[in-house]
Amino acid sequence: MSTGNEGCNCINQTSVLASLQNRDCTTATGQPGVYLNLGGSCVAHDYGSSACLQHDLLHDPNCQTDASTTAVPPYCFQPWCYVDANSCRKNSEEDIYKTEYFSPSNDIFYS
């Protein structure tokens, strides 16, 4: 399991997601979670934290299509994780993006 690229390591945003107001939910596996802004999926507080995985494939409704009849968007298969934007900009050439899943966004970045 990857923890990011050199100079742009994955970080743990569990406490940030757990602190989002009025977004509490319980995941299908019974874990405390937070609603994503996009599509309303409930994800565990450790969603996107500490490891580069295909998080969207499991949680984004646009990725939950029947692949035999509808093309699954390419980003669904891309591994990503939350990162420290300042560290990545300074220490790597990794592309970073501000998440739109959580509103207001709280300056959460991923790569």
Protein backbone atom coordinates (compact mmCIF):
# COMPACT_ATOMS: atom_id res chain seq x y z
CA MET A 1 0.00 0.00 0.00
CA SER A 2 1.47 3.33 -1.05
CA THR A 3 1.79 6.24 1.36
CA GLY A 4 2.31 8.76 -1.43
CA ASN A 5 5.20 9.92 -3.57
CA GLU A 6 8.53 11.16 -2.33
CA GLY A 7 8.15 14.76 -1.19
CA CYS A 8 4.36 14.48 -1.17
CA ASN A 9 3.38 11.89 1.41
CA CYS A 10 -0.13 10.99 2.44
CA ILE A 11 -1.33 12.59 5.66
CA ASN A 12 -3.99 11.62 8.17
CA GLN A 13 -7.08 13.87 8.01
CA THR A 14 -9.24 11.68 10.28
CA SER A 15 -9.61 14.34 12.98
CA VAL A 16 -10.50 17.01 10.38
CA LEU A 17 -13.25 14.88 8.85
CA ALA A 18 -14.54 13.88 12.29
CA SER A 19 -14.79 17.55 13.27
CA LEU A 20 -17.00 18.63 10.34
CA GLN A 21 -20.25 20.00 11.72
CA ASN A 22 -23.69 18.58 10.83
CA ARG A 23 -22.24 15.84 8.60
CA ASP A 24 -22.34 12.84 10.99
CA CYS A 25 -23.52 9.49 9.68
CA THR A 26 -22.94 5.77 10.18
CA THR A 27 -21.26 3.82 7.38
CA ALA A 28 -22.65 0.56 6.01
CA THR A 29 -20.10 -1.27 8.19
CA GLY A 30 -21.28 0.54 11.34
CA GLN A 31 -18.36 2.97 11.63
CA PRO A 32 -18.90 6.60 12.56
CA GLY A 33 -18.59 8.65 9.40
CA VAL A 34 -19.17 11.88 7.54
CA TYR A 35 -21.34 12.62 4.51
CA LEU A 36 -19.58 13.56 1.30
CA ASN A 37 -21.00 16.71 -0.25
CA LEU A 38 -21.00 15.03 -3.65
CA GLY A 39 -23.78 12.47 -3.86
CA GLY A 40 -24.29 12.17 -0.13
CA SER A 41 -22.28 8.97 0.41
CA CYS A 42 -21.33 8.25 4.01
CA VAL A 43 -17.61 7.53 4.44
CA ALA A 44 -15.54 6.63 7.49
CA HIS A 45 -13.55 9.42 9.12
CA ASP A 46 -10.31 7.90 7.78
CA TYR A 47 -11.51 8.25 4.14
CA GLY A 48 -8.58 9.37 1.98
CA SER A 49 -6.13 9.37 4.88
CA SER A 50 -2.68 7.83 5.21
CA ALA A 51 -2.68 5.63 2.09
CA CYS A 52 -2.92 6.06 -1.67
CA LEU A 53 -6.00 4.02 -2.69
CA GLN A 54 -8.84 4.06 -5.21
CA HIS A 55 -11.13 5.75 -2.68
CA ASP A 56 -13.57 7.07 -5.34
CA LEU A 57 -14.19 3.62 -6.81
CA LEU A 58 -15.95 2.66 -3.58
CA HIS A 59 -17.64 5.92 -2.62
CA ASP A 60 -18.38 8.18 -5.59
CA PRO A 61 -21.83 7.52 -7.12
CA ASN A 62 -20.44 8.32 -10.59
CA CYS A 63 -18.11 5.33 -10.18
CA GLN A 64 -20.94 2.97 -9.19
CA THR A 65 -22.16 2.27 -12.70
CA ASP A 66 -22.62 -0.96 -14.61
CA ALA A 67 -19.34 -1.11 -16.55
CA SER A 68 -20.95 -3.37 -19.18
CA THR A 69 -23.39 -0.62 -20.20
CA THR A 70 -21.81 2.67 -19.07
CA ALA A 71 -18.22 3.82 -19.17
CA VAL A 72 -16.77 4.30 -15.68
CA PRO A 73 -14.94 7.64 -15.48
CA PRO A 74 -11.14 7.17 -15.54
CA TYR A 75 -10.62 9.06 -12.26
CA CYS A 76 -12.48 6.28 -10.44
CA PHE A 77 -9.44 4.05 -10.86
CA GLN A 78 -6.87 6.64 -9.79
CA PRO A 79 -5.32 6.12 -6.36
CA TRP A 80 -5.12 9.27 -4.23
CA CYS A 81 -4.78 10.46 -0.66
CA TYR A 82 -4.90 13.66 1.36
CA VAL A 83 -1.62 15.61 1.37
CA ASP A 84 -0.06 18.70 2.89
CA ALA A 85 -0.31 21.21 0.03
CA ASN A 86 2.61 23.35 1.20
CA SER A 87 4.95 20.38 1.57
CA CYS A 88 4.02 18.97 -1.85
CA ARG A 89 4.47 22.31 -3.62
CA LYS A 90 7.89 22.74 -2.03
CA ASN A 91 9.24 19.18 -2.21
CA SER A 92 7.75 17.59 -5.33
CA GLU A 93 6.20 18.18 -8.73
CA GLU A 94 3.09 16.20 -7.77
CA ASP A 95 -0.24 17.67 -8.91
CA ILE A 96 -2.42 18.64 -5.96
CA TYR A 97 -6.09 19.60 -5.84
CA LYS A 98 -8.41 21.13 -3.26
CA THR A 99 -11.25 18.76 -2.45
CA GLU A 100 -14.80 19.73 -3.37
CA TYR A 101 -16.35 16.86 -1.38
CA PHE A 102 -16.60 18.79 1.86
CA SER A 103 -18.35 22.12 2.01
CA PRO A 104 -17.02 24.42 3.24
CA SER A 105 -13.81 22.78 2.09
CA ASN A 106 -11.59 23.48 5.13
CA ASP A 107 -8.49 23.58 2.91
CA ILE A 108 -8.27 19.83 2.47
CA PHE A 109 -5.98 18.85 -0.44
CA TYR A 110 -5.36 15.57 -2.23
CA SER A 111 -2.96 14.17 -4.78
